[in-house]
Amino acid sequence: MRQELSVSNRVQQYVMLLREIGMPGKIPKKANEKERPVPTAELLRLAELNKISFLYLSNLEDMPPIEAQNRTPDTLDRLSIRNKVLIQTIQEVASIFDKEKIRYCVFKTIKPFPTTPSDVDILIAKKDFGFAQSILSSSGYNLAAKDEYSATMHGKSMIVDLQTQPSVSNLPYLPAEMILQNSVARNIQGVDVFSPSDEAELLTIACHSLYKEQLFTLNDYYSIVLLSERIDIGKLVDLAKSTRTLDALQIIIEVSVRITEAAFDSKLRVHEIGKHFGHPSYSPQVLDMPLHFPFSLVLKMLFSRCLRDPQMRKRFLPALIRIASPRQFAKLLSHLIRKTY
């Protein structure tokens, strides 16, 4: 069994990983040293946990030889294929919804760096939810699971997760209408696809990380920092205030600043945003990645938001009752101890 790494070695690992990747378009990768303090295989394991293995391997010049008869899903060629499938799925579903005039927004999926998510997340206007499922079913997608706010559709090569409301345990944590109203058409390799504005996407990723997953990965980190380079700070603040999520955003920005300072010498725009916000009420040490947020903190922040949001308040007690059931409680425990998502 591999021995547990010391705190300094765990920090060294994620810092070395970030330095070997750099910050796409902003900070070049650090030149590879002849003798790394952390082996490439260990960095790849960390990249997989943090959902940036494609980004890491795309930037690695001296990747170890890959056995032709023993290729795994983590090798660069397979990840490249997966990325192409992602783009094709987004293009296909967007074209179907545009043709049927279904209001949609692809969110938390199109990142400002090479990525290979496990599914495509699409926000659908509530009135179009049933129709969207029906249209995808007639286009070869099969309904695998469904609840009040979401429907999971299995396609030929990738899962499409339709949602009418970002939620955790059926508790809405971010208004869907905010995302839909702040969607823009982006050209994805020749096809116009509606996705959130940079400000709305940054806020959505921050809230999803804290409220939904209680985990912050390096995938989230790169998303936050690269989107920060493009946003209007005033618009971001206005969205956070209007959705009562400013406290969550402050924590995620603070974590992103701390990671940047640990890995890079350069100042990025996320530092400017951090100064604008000031220090949040909770400011964790980033000793390992992914970073786990305490469940007590998340519960406290959700409760605080409920007090300020009448729509969310209606759902809070039913959500607590649901969590208290043996089955859901077991899922919660598994959720809290997992290493990644």
C-alpha atoms as a PDB file:
ATOM      1  CA  MET A   1       0.000   0.000   0.000  1.00  0.00           C
ATOM      2  CA  ARG A   2       1.327   3.432  -0.916  1.00  0.00           C
ATOM      3  CA  GLN A   3       2.231   5.440   2.153  1.00  0.00           C
ATOM      4  CA  GLU A   4       0.355   8.659   2.828  1.00  0.00           C
ATOM      5  CA  LEU A   5       2.241  11.668   1.528  1.00  0.00           C
ATOM      6  CA  SER A   6       3.377  14.376   3.916  1.00  0.00           C
ATOM      7  CA  VAL A   7       1.674  17.768   3.701  1.00  0.00           C
ATOM      8  CA  SER A   8       4.706  19.332   2.014  1.00  0.00           C
ATOM      9  CA  ASN A   9       4.830  16.551  -0.596  1.00  0.00           C
ATOM     10  CA  ARG A  10       1.099  16.869  -1.348  1.00  0.00           C
ATOM     11  CA  VAL A  11       1.499  20.605  -1.891  1.00  0.00           C
ATOM     12  CA  GLN A  12       4.600  19.976  -3.985  1.00  0.00           C
ATOM     13  CA  GLN A  13       2.610  17.573  -6.160  1.00  0.00           C
ATOM     14  CA  TYR A  14      -0.186  19.912  -7.214  1.00  0.00           C
ATOM     15  CA  VAL A  15       2.220  22.861  -7.567  1.00  0.00           C
ATOM     16  CA  MET A  16       4.509  20.797  -9.808  1.00  0.00           C
ATOM     17  CA  LEU A  17       1.499  19.702 -11.869  1.00  0.00           C
ATOM     18  CA  LEU A  18       0.360  23.295 -12.365  1.00  0.00           C
ATOM     19  CA  ARG A  19       3.851  24.440 -13.300  1.00  0.00           C
ATOM     20  CA  GLU A  20       4.223  21.691 -15.903  1.00  0.00           C
ATOM     21  CA  ILE A  21       0.965  22.854 -17.477  1.00  0.00           C
ATOM     22  CA  GLY A  22       1.315  26.602 -16.969  1.00  0.00           C
ATOM     23  CA  MET A  23      -1.698  28.868 -17.487  1.00  0.00           C
ATOM     24  CA  PRO A  24      -2.879  28.517 -21.118  1.00  0.00           C
ATOM     25  CA  GLY A  25      -2.401  31.789 -22.961  1.00  0.00           C
ATOM     26  CA  LYS A  26      -1.027  33.562 -19.879  1.00  0.00           C
ATOM     27  CA  ILE A  27       1.882  31.740 -18.200  1.00  0.00           C
ATOM     28  CA  PRO A  28       4.164  29.318 -20.082  1.00  0.00           C
ATOM     29  CA  LYS A  29       4.837  25.901 -18.624  1.00  0.00           C
ATOM     30  CA  LYS A  30       7.989  25.575 -16.581  1.00  0.00           C
ATOM     31  CA  ALA A  31      10.845  23.848 -18.414  1.00  0.00           C
ATOM     32  CA  ASN A  32      11.001  20.180 -17.490  1.00  0.00           C
ATOM     33  CA  GLU A  33      13.858  19.326 -15.176  1.00  0.00           C
ATOM     34  CA  LYS A  34      16.041  16.266 -15.673  1.00  0.00           C
ATOM     35  CA  GLU A  35      15.054  14.949 -12.286  1.00  0.00           C
ATOM     36  CA  ARG A  36      11.544  15.778 -11.166  1.00  0.00           C
ATOM     37  CA  PRO A  37      10.835  15.726  -7.449  1.00  0.00           C
ATOM     38  CA  VAL A  38       7.513  14.076  -8.397  1.00  0.00           C
ATOM     39  CA  PRO A  39       7.371  11.263 -11.015  1.00  0.00           C
ATOM     40  CA  THR A  40       5.286  11.794 -14.157  1.00  0.00           C
ATOM     41  CA  ALA A  41       3.054   8.833 -13.262  1.00  0.00           C
ATOM     42  CA  GLU A  42       2.208  10.426  -9.917  1.00  0.00           C
ATOM     43  CA  LEU A  43       1.383  13.738 -11.580  1.00  0.00           C
ATOM     44  CA  LEU A  44      -0.862  11.951 -14.072  1.00  0.00           C
ATOM     45  CA  ARG A  45      -2.712  10.290 -11.188  1.00  0.00           C
ATOM     46  CA  LEU A  46      -3.215  13.717  -9.618  1.00  0.00           C
ATOM     47  CA  ALA A  47      -4.332  15.170 -12.964  1.00  0.00           C
ATOM     48  CA  GLU A  48      -6.942  12.405 -13.268  1.00  0.00           C
ATOM     49  CA  LEU A  49      -8.283  13.115  -9.768  1.00  0.00           C
ATOM     50  CA  ASN A  50      -8.540  16.797 -10.688  1.00  0.00           C
ATOM     51  CA  LYS A  51     -10.167  16.161 -14.085  1.00  0.00           C
ATOM     52  CA  ILE A  52      -7.366  17.765 -16.103  1.00  0.00           C
ATOM     53  CA  SER A  53      -5.582  14.700 -17.499  1.00  0.00           C
ATOM     54  CA  PHE A  54      -6.220  15.813 -21.101  1.00  0.00           C
ATOM     55  CA  LEU A  55      -4.847  19.280 -20.379  1.00  0.00           C
ATOM     56  CA  TYR A  56      -1.804  17.778 -18.634  1.00  0.00           C
ATOM     57  CA  LEU A  57      -0.961  15.231 -21.325  1.00  0.00           C
ATOM     58  CA  SER A  58      -1.504  17.832 -24.056  1.00  0.00           C
ATOM     59  CA  ASN A  59       1.256  19.903 -22.424  1.00  0.00           C
ATOM     60  CA  LEU A  60       3.632  17.048 -21.628  1.00  0.00           C
ATOM     61  CA  GLU A  61       6.464  16.773 -24.135  1.00  0.00           C
ATOM     62  CA  ASP A  62       8.248  13.770 -22.675  1.00  0.00           C
ATOM     63  CA  MET A  63       5.296  11.470 -22.017  1.00  0.00           C
ATOM     64  CA  PRO A  64       6.462   7.936 -21.175  1.00  0.00           C
ATOM     65  CA  PRO A  65       6.049   5.328 -23.967  1.00  0.00           C
ATOM     66  CA  ILE A  66       2.595   3.801 -24.130  1.00  0.00           C
ATOM     67  CA  GLU A  67       2.301   0.058 -24.633  1.00  0.00           C
ATOM     68  CA  ALA A  68       0.473  -0.463 -27.932  1.00  0.00           C
ATOM     69  CA  GLN A  69      -1.348  -3.506 -26.558  1.00  0.00           C
ATOM     70  CA  ASN A  70      -2.222  -1.889 -23.252  1.00  0.00           C
ATOM     71  CA  ARG A  71      -3.712   1.483 -23.986  1.00  0.00           C
ATOM     72  CA  THR A  72      -5.923   2.927 -21.231  1.00  0.00           C
ATOM     73  CA  PRO A  73      -8.645   5.610 -21.276  1.00  0.00           C
ATOM     74  CA  ASP A  74      -6.093   8.016 -19.806  1.00  0.00           C
ATOM     75  CA  THR A  75      -3.714   8.073 -22.767  1.00  0.00           C
ATOM     76  CA  LEU A  76      -3.564  11.161 -24.955  1.00  0.00           C
ATOM     77  CA  ASP A  77      -5.015   9.535 -28.062  1.00  0.00           C
ATOM     78  CA  ARG A  78      -8.088   8.225 -26.254  1.00  0.00           C
ATOM     79  CA  LEU A  79      -8.638  11.532 -24.503  1.00  0.00           C
ATOM     80  CA  SER A  80      -8.360  13.341 -27.843  1.00  0.00           C
ATOM     81  CA  ILE A  81     -11.083  11.099 -29.238  1.00  0.00           C
ATOM     82  CA  ARG A  82     -13.196  11.756 -26.159  1.00  0.00           C
ATOM     83  CA  ASN A  83     -12.807  15.494 -26.663  1.00  0.00           C
ATOM     84  CA  LYS A  84     -13.953  15.172 -30.274  1.00  0.00           C
ATOM     85  CA  VAL A  85     -16.992  13.167 -29.143  1.00  0.00           C
ATOM     86  CA  LEU A  86     -17.781  15.944 -26.669  1.00  0.00           C
ATOM     87  CA  ILE A  87     -17.720  18.590 -29.399  1.00  0.00           C
ATOM     88  CA  GLN A  88     -19.799  16.436 -31.757  1.00  0.00           C
ATOM     89  CA  THR A  89     -22.406  15.758 -29.042  1.00  0.00           C
ATOM     90  CA  ILE A  90     -22.701  19.450 -28.178  1.00  0.00           C
ATOM     91  CA  GLN A  91     -23.053  20.351 -31.854  1.00  0.00           C
ATOM     92  CA  GLU A  92     -25.655  17.639 -32.461  1.00  0.00           C
ATOM     93  CA  VAL A  93     -27.863  18.490 -29.478  1.00  0.00           C
ATOM     94  CA  ALA A  94     -27.579  22.249 -30.090  1.00  0.00           C
ATOM     95  CA  SER A  95     -28.639  21.787 -33.719  1.00  0.00           C
ATOM     96  CA  ILE A  96     -31.610  19.627 -32.663  1.00  0.00           C
ATOM     97  CA  PHE A  97     -32.788  22.152 -30.067  1.00  0.00           C
ATOM     98  CA  ASP A  98     -32.283  25.123 -32.409  1.00  0.00           C
ATOM     99  CA  LYS A  99     -34.359  23.410 -35.092  1.00  0.00           C
ATOM    100  CA  GLU A 100     -37.184  22.745 -32.609  1.00  0.00           C
ATOM    101  CA  LYS A 101     -36.855  26.238 -31.067  1.00  0.00           C
ATOM    102  CA  ILE A 102     -36.133  24.792 -27.616  1.00  0.00           C
ATOM    103  CA  ARG A 103     -34.587  27.282 -25.219  1.00  0.00           C
ATOM    104  CA  TYR A 104     -31.371  25.802 -23.839  1.00  0.00           C
ATOM    105  CA  CYS A 105     -27.919  26.642 -22.483  1.00  0.00           C
ATOM    106  CA  VAL A 106     -24.896  24.301 -22.375  1.00  0.00           C
ATOM    107  CA  PHE A 107     -23.299  25.075 -19.017  1.00  0.00           C
ATOM    108  CA  LYS A 108     -20.345  23.782 -16.942  1.00  0.00           C
ATOM    109  CA  THR A 109     -19.192  21.883 -20.044  1.00  0.00           C
ATOM    110  CA  ILE A 110     -17.463  24.168 -22.549  1.00  0.00           C
ATOM    111  CA  LYS A 111     -14.209  25.111 -20.823  1.00  0.00           C
ATOM    112  CA  PRO A 112     -11.494  27.618 -21.863  1.00  0.00           C
ATOM    113  CA  PHE A 113      -8.977  24.739 -22.080  1.00  0.00           C
ATOM    114  CA  PRO A 114      -8.919  21.157 -23.487  1.00  0.00           C
ATOM    115  CA  THR A 115     -11.278  18.999 -21.446  1.00  0.00           C
ATOM    116  CA  THR A 116     -13.075  15.645 -21.461  1.00  0.00           C
ATOM    117  CA  PRO A 117     -16.088  15.735 -19.091  1.00  0.00           C
ATOM    118  CA  SER A 118     -18.139  12.625 -18.435  1.00  0.00           C
ATOM    119  CA  ASP A 119     -21.332  14.241 -19.711  1.00  0.00           C
ATOM    120  CA  VAL A 120     -22.833  17.333 -21.317  1.00  0.00           C
ATOM    121  CA  ASP A 121     -24.849  19.526 -18.932  1.00  0.00           C
ATOM    122  CA  ILE A 122     -27.695  21.405 -20.601  1.00  0.00           C
ATOM    123  CA  LEU A 123     -30.097  23.781 -18.877  1.00  0.00           C
ATOM    124  CA  ILE A 124     -33.583  23.686 -20.390  1.00  0.00           C
ATOM    125  CA  ALA A 125     -36.460  26.098 -19.901  1.00  0.00           C
ATOM    126  CA  LYS A 126     -39.017  24.335 -17.694  1.00  0.00           C
ATOM    127  CA  LYS A 127     -41.776  24.611 -20.284  1.00  0.00           C
ATOM    128  CA  ASP A 128     -39.595  22.757 -22.833  1.00  0.00           C
ATOM    129  CA  PHE A 129     -38.321  20.010 -20.484  1.00  0.00           C
ATOM    130  CA  GLY A 130     -40.661  17.223 -21.595  1.00  0.00           C
ATOM    131  CA  PHE A 131     -40.423  18.191 -25.260  1.00  0.00           C
ATOM    132  CA  ALA A 132     -36.609  18.219 -25.106  1.00  0.00           C
ATOM    133  CA  GLN A 133     -36.586  14.676 -23.684  1.00  0.00           C
ATOM    134  CA  SER A 134     -38.984  13.507 -26.386  1.00  0.00           C
ATOM    135  CA  ILE A 135     -36.958  15.057 -29.198  1.00  0.00           C
ATOM    136  CA  LEU A 136     -33.700  13.542 -27.954  1.00  0.00           C
ATOM    137  CA  SER A 137     -35.385  10.147 -27.536  1.00  0.00           C
ATOM    138  CA  SER A 138     -36.490  10.264 -31.178  1.00  0.00           C
ATOM    139  CA  SER A 139     -32.894  11.169 -32.104  1.00  0.00           C
ATOM    140  CA  GLY A 140     -31.384   8.031 -30.542  1.00  0.00           C
ATOM    141  CA  TYR A 141     -30.912   9.085 -26.895  1.00  0.00           C
ATOM    142  CA  ASN A 142     -32.313   6.823 -24.162  1.00  0.00           C
ATOM    143  CA  LEU A 143     -33.712   8.063 -20.848  1.00  0.00           C
ATOM    144  CA  ALA A 144     -31.601   6.491 -18.057  1.00  0.00           C
ATOM    145  CA  ALA A 145     -32.756   8.417 -14.980  1.00  0.00           C
ATOM    146  CA  LYS A 146     -35.097  11.245 -14.090  1.00  0.00           C
ATOM    147  CA  ASP A 147     -36.066  13.353 -11.092  1.00  0.00           C
ATOM    148  CA  GLU A 148     -37.871  16.623 -10.472  1.00  0.00           C
ATOM    149  CA  TYR A 149     -35.195  18.829 -12.018  1.00  0.00           C
ATOM    150  CA  SER A 150     -33.187  16.587 -14.354  1.00  0.00           C
ATOM    151  CA  ALA A 151     -33.256  13.829 -16.947  1.00  0.00           C
ATOM    152  CA  THR A 152     -30.181  11.781 -17.851  1.00  0.00           C
ATOM    153  CA  MET A 153     -30.096  10.751 -21.511  1.00  0.00           C
ATOM    154  CA  HIS A 154     -27.637   8.174 -22.836  1.00  0.00           C
ATOM    155  CA  GLY A 155     -26.468   8.823 -26.381  1.00  0.00           C
ATOM    156  CA  LYS A 156     -24.305   6.700 -28.664  1.00  0.00           C
ATOM    157  CA  SER A 157     -21.056   7.882 -27.078  1.00  0.00           C
ATOM    158  CA  MET A 158     -21.820  10.411 -24.337  1.00  0.00           C
ATOM    159  CA  ILE A 159     -24.357  11.194 -21.630  1.00  0.00           C
ATOM    160  CA  VAL A 160     -26.502  14.322 -21.909  1.00  0.00           C
ATOM    161  CA  ASP A 161     -27.846  15.626 -18.602  1.00  0.00           C
ATOM    162  CA  LEU A 162     -30.877  17.873 -19.089  1.00  0.00           C
ATOM    163  CA  GLN A 163     -31.651  20.147 -16.141  1.00  0.00           C
ATOM    164  CA  THR A 164     -34.333  22.723 -15.437  1.00  0.00           C
ATOM    165  CA  GLN A 165     -32.687  23.911 -12.236  1.00  0.00           C
ATOM    166  CA  PRO A 166     -29.180  23.614 -10.694  1.00  0.00           C
ATOM    167  CA  SER A 167     -29.869  21.840  -7.409  1.00  0.00           C
ATOM    168  CA  VAL A 168     -28.399  19.698  -4.632  1.00  0.00           C
ATOM    169  CA  SER A 169     -30.691  17.058  -3.106  1.00  0.00           C
ATOM    170  CA  ASN A 170     -33.600  18.749  -4.932  1.00  0.00           C
ATOM    171  CA  LEU A 171     -32.692  22.046  -3.288  1.00  0.00           C
ATOM    172  CA  PRO A 172     -32.223  24.838  -5.872  1.00  0.00           C
ATOM    173  CA  TYR A 173     -28.988  26.730  -5.249  1.00  0.00           C
ATOM    174  CA  LEU A 174     -28.819  29.038  -8.280  1.00  0.00           C
ATOM    175  CA  PRO A 175     -31.697  30.514 -10.328  1.00  0.00           C
ATOM    176  CA  ALA A 176     -31.958  28.800 -13.699  1.00  0.00           C
ATOM    177  CA  GLU A 177     -33.414  31.937 -15.269  1.00  0.00           C
ATOM    178  CA  MET A 178     -30.236  33.876 -14.459  1.00  0.00           C
ATOM    179  CA  ILE A 179     -28.196  31.425 -16.545  1.00  0.00           C
ATOM    180  CA  LEU A 180     -30.701  31.331 -19.415  1.00  0.00           C
ATOM    181  CA  GLN A 181     -31.023  35.119 -19.504  1.00  0.00           C
ATOM    182  CA  ASN A 182     -27.245  35.491 -19.598  1.00  0.00           C
ATOM    183  CA  SER A 183     -26.608  32.964 -22.353  1.00  0.00           C
ATOM    184  CA  VAL A 184     -24.749  33.877 -25.541  1.00  0.00           C
ATOM    185  CA  ALA A 185     -24.237  32.123 -28.858  1.00  0.00           C
ATOM    186  CA  ARG A 186     -20.680  30.815 -29.296  1.00  0.00           C
ATOM    187  CA  ASN A 187     -19.327  29.303 -32.485  1.00  0.00           C
ATOM    188  CA  ILE A 188     -18.123  25.782 -31.674  1.00  0.00           C
ATOM    189  CA  GLN A 189     -16.284  24.592 -34.785  1.00  0.00           C
ATOM    190  CA  GLY A 190     -18.885  25.970 -37.167  1.00  0.00           C
ATOM    191  CA  VAL A 191     -22.024  25.469 -35.056  1.00  0.00           C
ATOM    192  CA  ASP A 192     -23.620  28.178 -32.898  1.00  0.00           C
ATOM    193  CA  VAL A 193     -24.141  26.890 -29.373  1.00  0.00           C
ATOM    194  CA  PHE A 194     -25.812  28.784 -26.530  1.00  0.00           C
ATOM    195  CA  SER A 195     -23.740  28.818 -23.352  1.00  0.00           C
ATOM    196  CA  PRO A 196     -23.526  31.198 -20.374  1.00  0.00           C
ATOM    197  CA  SER A 197     -21.743  34.531 -20.569  1.00  0.00           C
ATOM    198  CA  ASP A 198     -18.295  34.407 -18.984  1.00  0.00           C
ATOM    199  CA  GLU A 199     -19.642  36.058 -15.824  1.00  0.00           C
ATOM    200  CA  ALA A 200     -22.592  33.660 -15.524  1.00  0.00           C
ATOM    201  CA  GLU A 201     -20.397  30.628 -16.242  1.00  0.00           C
ATOM    202  CA  LEU A 202     -17.819  31.618 -13.621  1.00  0.00           C
ATOM    203  CA  LEU A 203     -20.539  32.077 -11.005  1.00  0.00           C
ATOM    204  CA  THR A 204     -22.197  28.790 -11.969  1.00  0.00           C
ATOM    205  CA  ILE A 205     -18.933  26.824 -11.680  1.00  0.00           C
ATOM    206  CA  ALA A 206     -18.190  28.434  -8.306  1.00  0.00           C
ATOM    207  CA  CYS A 207     -21.633  27.574  -6.898  1.00  0.00           C
ATOM    208  CA  HIS A 208     -21.599  24.055  -8.346  1.00  0.00           C
ATOM    209  CA  SER A 209     -18.213  23.390  -6.764  1.00  0.00           C
ATOM    210  CA  LEU A 210     -19.174  24.642  -3.312  1.00  0.00           C
ATOM    211  CA  TYR A 211     -22.874  23.844  -2.965  1.00  0.00           C
ATOM    212  CA  LYS A 212     -23.279  20.767  -5.141  1.00  0.00           C
ATOM    213  CA  GLU A 213     -19.956  18.922  -5.000  1.00  0.00           C
ATOM    214  CA  GLN A 214     -18.335  20.364  -1.848  1.00  0.00           C
ATOM    215  CA  LEU A 215     -15.100  19.876  -3.788  1.00  0.00           C
ATOM    216  CA  PHE A 216     -12.803  22.187  -5.718  1.00  0.00           C
ATOM    217  CA  THR A 217     -10.719  20.519  -8.435  1.00  0.00           C
ATOM    218  CA  LEU A 218      -7.940  21.898 -10.612  1.00  0.00           C
ATOM    219  CA  ASN A 219     -10.467  21.704 -13.456  1.00  0.00           C
ATOM    220  CA  ASP A 220     -12.546  24.231 -11.505  1.00  0.00           C
ATOM    221  CA  TYR A 221      -9.400  26.245 -10.795  1.00  0.00           C
ATOM    222  CA  TYR A 222      -8.401  26.588 -14.454  1.00  0.00           C
ATOM    223  CA  SER A 223     -11.999  27.447 -15.358  1.00  0.00           C
ATOM    224  CA  ILE A 224     -12.233  30.181 -12.720  1.00  0.00           C
ATOM    225  CA  VAL A 225      -8.827  31.726 -13.439  1.00  0.00           C
ATOM    226  CA  LEU A 226      -9.118  31.708 -17.244  1.00  0.00           C
ATOM    227  CA  LEU A 227     -12.684  33.046 -17.175  1.00  0.00           C
ATOM    228  CA  SER A 228     -11.510  35.752 -14.752  1.00  0.00           C
ATOM    229  CA  GLU A 229      -9.252  37.079 -17.509  1.00  0.00           C
ATOM    230  CA  ARG A 230     -12.289  37.806 -19.685  1.00  0.00           C
ATOM    231  CA  ILE A 231     -15.026  38.995 -17.359  1.00  0.00           C
ATOM    232  CA  ASP A 232     -16.464  42.353 -16.415  1.00  0.00           C
ATOM    233  CA  ILE A 233     -16.024  42.453 -12.621  1.00  0.00           C
ATOM    234  CA  GLY A 234     -19.010  44.753 -12.148  1.00  0.00           C
ATOM    235  CA  LYS A 235     -21.296  42.344 -14.044  1.00  0.00           C
ATOM    236  CA  LEU A 236     -19.998  39.406 -12.008  1.00  0.00           C
ATOM    237  CA  VAL A 237     -20.670  41.211  -8.732  1.00  0.00           C
ATOM    238  CA  ASP A 238     -24.158  42.204  -9.882  1.00  0.00           C
ATOM    239  CA  LEU A 239     -24.999  38.596 -10.792  1.00  0.00           C
ATOM    240  CA  ALA A 240     -23.669  37.298  -7.471  1.00  0.00           C
ATOM    241  CA  LYS A 241     -25.639  39.874  -5.500  1.00  0.00           C
ATOM    242  CA  SER A 242     -28.853  39.299  -7.435  1.00  0.00           C
ATOM    243  CA  THR A 243     -28.599  35.519  -6.897  1.00  0.00           C
ATOM    244  CA  ARG A 244     -27.491  35.860  -3.244  1.00  0.00           C
ATOM    245  CA  THR A 245     -24.307  33.885  -3.917  1.00  0.00           C
ATOM    246  CA  LEU A 246     -21.657  36.530  -3.248  1.00  0.00           C
ATOM    247  CA  ASP A 247     -20.335  34.679  -0.174  1.00  0.00           C
ATOM    248  CA  ALA A 248     -19.838  31.460  -2.178  1.00  0.00           C
ATOM    249  CA  LEU A 249     -18.101  33.349  -4.968  1.00  0.00           C
ATOM    250  CA  GLN A 250     -15.775  35.078  -2.488  1.00  0.00           C
ATOM    251  CA  ILE A 251     -14.591  31.722  -1.125  1.00  0.00           C
ATOM    252  CA  ILE A 252     -13.922  30.258  -4.571  1.00  0.00           C
ATOM    253  CA  ILE A 253     -12.023  33.364  -5.711  1.00  0.00           C
ATOM    254  CA  GLU A 254      -9.931  33.309  -2.516  1.00  0.00           C
ATOM    255  CA  VAL A 255      -9.052  29.633  -3.051  1.00  0.00           C
ATOM    256  CA  SER A 256      -8.111  30.366  -6.679  1.00  0.00           C
ATOM    257  CA  VAL A 257      -5.852  33.229  -5.591  1.00  0.00           C
ATOM    258  CA  ARG A 258      -4.101  31.023  -3.030  1.00  0.00           C
ATOM    259  CA  ILE A 259      -3.472  28.254  -5.562  1.00  0.00           C
ATOM    260  CA  THR A 260      -2.118  30.780  -8.073  1.00  0.00           C
ATOM    261  CA  GLU A 261       0.257  32.256  -5.506  1.00  0.00           C
ATOM    262  CA  ALA A 262       1.514  28.792  -4.552  1.00  0.00           C
ATOM    263  CA  ALA A 263       2.213  27.745  -8.150  1.00  0.00           C
ATOM    264  CA  PHE A 264       3.123  30.856 -10.128  1.00  0.00           C
ATOM    265  CA  ASP A 265       5.140  34.012  -9.625  1.00  0.00           C
ATOM    266  CA  SER A 266       2.854  36.045 -11.895  1.00  0.00           C
ATOM    267  CA  LYS A 267      -0.170  38.086 -10.855  1.00  0.00           C
ATOM    268  CA  LEU A 268      -3.329  37.282 -12.776  1.00  0.00           C
ATOM    269  CA  ARG A 269      -6.683  39.028 -12.996  1.00  0.00           C
ATOM    270  CA  VAL A 270      -8.124  36.710 -10.367  1.00  0.00           C
ATOM    271  CA  HIS A 271      -5.935  38.643  -7.893  1.00  0.00           C
ATOM    272  CA  GLU A 272      -7.688  41.877  -8.900  1.00  0.00           C
ATOM    273  CA  ILE A 273     -11.072  40.234  -8.349  1.00  0.00           C
ATOM    274  CA  GLY A 274      -9.881  38.909  -4.986  1.00  0.00           C
ATOM    275  CA  LYS A 275      -8.846  42.412  -3.880  1.00  0.00           C
ATOM    276  CA  HIS A 276     -12.225  43.741  -5.000  1.00  0.00           C
ATOM    277  CA  PHE A 277     -14.034  41.184  -2.839  1.00  0.00           C
ATOM    278  CA  GLY A 278     -11.724  41.208   0.169  1.00  0.00           C
ATOM    279  CA  HIS A 279     -11.209  38.189   2.419  1.00  0.00           C
ATOM    280  CA  PRO A 280     -14.200  35.862   2.797  1.00  0.00           C
ATOM    281  CA  SER A 281     -15.535  34.563   6.108  1.00  0.00           C
ATOM    282  CA  TYR A 282     -14.017  31.136   5.364  1.00  0.00           C
ATOM    283  CA  SER A 283     -10.507  30.961   3.907  1.00  0.00           C
ATOM    284  CA  PRO A 284      -9.056  27.416   3.835  1.00  0.00           C
ATOM    285  CA  GLN A 285      -5.448  26.367   3.524  1.00  0.00           C
ATOM    286  CA  VAL A 286      -4.919  24.636   0.190  1.00  0.00           C
ATOM    287  CA  LEU A 287      -2.793  21.675   1.235  1.00  0.00           C
ATOM    288  CA  ASP A 288      -4.061  19.162  -1.284  1.00  0.00           C
ATOM    289  CA  MET A 289      -6.089  19.041  -4.452  1.00  0.00           C
ATOM    290  CA  PRO A 290      -8.954  18.360  -4.912  1.00  0.00           C
ATOM    291  CA  LEU A 291      -9.884  20.572  -1.983  1.00  0.00           C
ATOM    292  CA  HIS A 292     -12.756  19.383   0.237  1.00  0.00           C
ATOM    293  CA  PHE A 293     -15.127  21.937   1.753  1.00  0.00           C
ATOM    294  CA  PRO A 294     -16.528  21.032   5.211  1.00  0.00           C
ATOM    295  CA  PHE A 295     -20.134  19.845   4.993  1.00  0.00           C
ATOM    296  CA  SER A 296     -20.964  22.031   7.994  1.00  0.00           C
ATOM    297  CA  LEU A 297     -19.815  25.091   6.022  1.00  0.00           C
ATOM    298  CA  VAL A 298     -21.885  24.140   2.973  1.00  0.00           C
ATOM    299  CA  LEU A 299     -24.979  23.453   5.073  1.00  0.00           C
ATOM    300  CA  LYS A 300     -24.544  26.770   6.892  1.00  0.00           C
ATOM    301  CA  MET A 301     -24.194  28.663   3.609  1.00  0.00           C
ATOM    302  CA  LEU A 302     -27.203  26.930   2.055  1.00  0.00           C
ATOM    303  CA  PHE A 303     -29.281  27.753   5.137  1.00  0.00           C
ATOM    304  CA  SER A 304     -28.105  31.375   5.040  1.00  0.00           C
ATOM    305  CA  ARG A 305     -29.073  31.599   1.386  1.00  0.00           C
ATOM    306  CA  CYS A 306     -32.487  30.068   2.137  1.00  0.00           C
ATOM    307  CA  LEU A 307     -33.184  32.856   4.615  1.00  0.00           C
ATOM    308  CA  ARG A 308     -32.649  35.372   1.800  1.00  0.00           C
ATOM    309  CA  ASP A 309     -34.397  33.445  -0.985  1.00  0.00           C
ATOM    310  CA  PRO A 310     -38.144  32.707  -0.579  1.00  0.00           C
ATOM    311  CA  GLN A 311     -38.150  30.206  -3.472  1.00  0.00           C
ATOM    312  CA  MET A 312     -35.271  28.229  -1.988  1.00  0.00           C
ATOM    313  CA  ARG A 313     -36.748  28.450   1.513  1.00  0.00           C
ATOM    314  CA  LYS A 314     -39.799  26.451   0.428  1.00  0.00           C
ATOM    315  CA  ARG A 315     -37.533  23.564  -0.522  1.00  0.00           C
ATOM    316  CA  PHE A 316     -35.149  23.569   2.437  1.00  0.00           C
ATOM    317  CA  LEU A 317     -37.135  21.447   4.917  1.00  0.00           C
ATOM    318  CA  PRO A 318     -38.138  18.786   2.326  1.00  0.00           C
ATOM    319  CA  ALA A 319     -34.466  18.602   1.287  1.00  0.00           C
ATOM    320  CA  LEU A 320     -33.359  18.021   4.900  1.00  0.00           C
ATOM    321  CA  ILE A 321     -36.010  15.320   5.342  1.00  0.00           C
ATOM    322  CA  ARG A 322     -34.853  13.671   2.130  1.00  0.00           C
ATOM    323  CA  ILE A 323     -31.213  13.676   3.294  1.00  0.00           C
ATOM    324  CA  ALA A 324     -32.264  12.111   6.604  1.00  0.00           C
ATOM    325  CA  SER A 325     -33.607   8.955   4.899  1.00  0.00           C
ATOM    326  CA  PRO A 326     -31.256   5.941   5.299  1.00  0.00           C
ATOM    327  CA  ARG A 327     -30.631   5.649   1.579  1.00  0.00           C
ATOM    328  CA  GLN A 328     -29.902   9.335   1.051  1.00  0.00           C
ATOM    329  CA  PHE A 329     -27.804   9.530   4.212  1.00  0.00           C
ATOM    330  CA  ALA A 330     -25.632   6.674   2.931  1.00  0.00           C
ATOM    331  CA  LYS A 331     -25.257   8.516  -0.392  1.00  0.00           C
ATOM    332  CA  LEU A 332     -24.331  11.672   1.502  1.00  0.00           C
ATOM    333  CA  LEU A 333     -21.590   9.876   3.453  1.00  0.00           C
ATOM    334  CA  SER A 334     -20.195   8.428   0.236  1.00  0.00           C
ATOM    335  CA  HIS A 335     -20.380  11.887  -1.303  1.00  0.00           C
ATOM    336  CA  LEU A 336     -18.404  13.445   1.559  1.00  0.00           C
ATOM    337  CA  ILE A 337     -15.535  10.935   1.631  1.00  0.00           C
ATOM    338  CA  ARG A 338     -14.974  10.581  -2.108  1.00  0.00           C
ATOM    339  CA  LYS A 339     -11.676  11.817  -3.516  1.00  0.00           C
ATOM    340  CA  THR A 340     -13.165  13.444  -6.614  1.00  0.00           C
ATOM    341  CA  TYR A 341     -16.372  13.606  -8.643  1.00  0.00           C
END
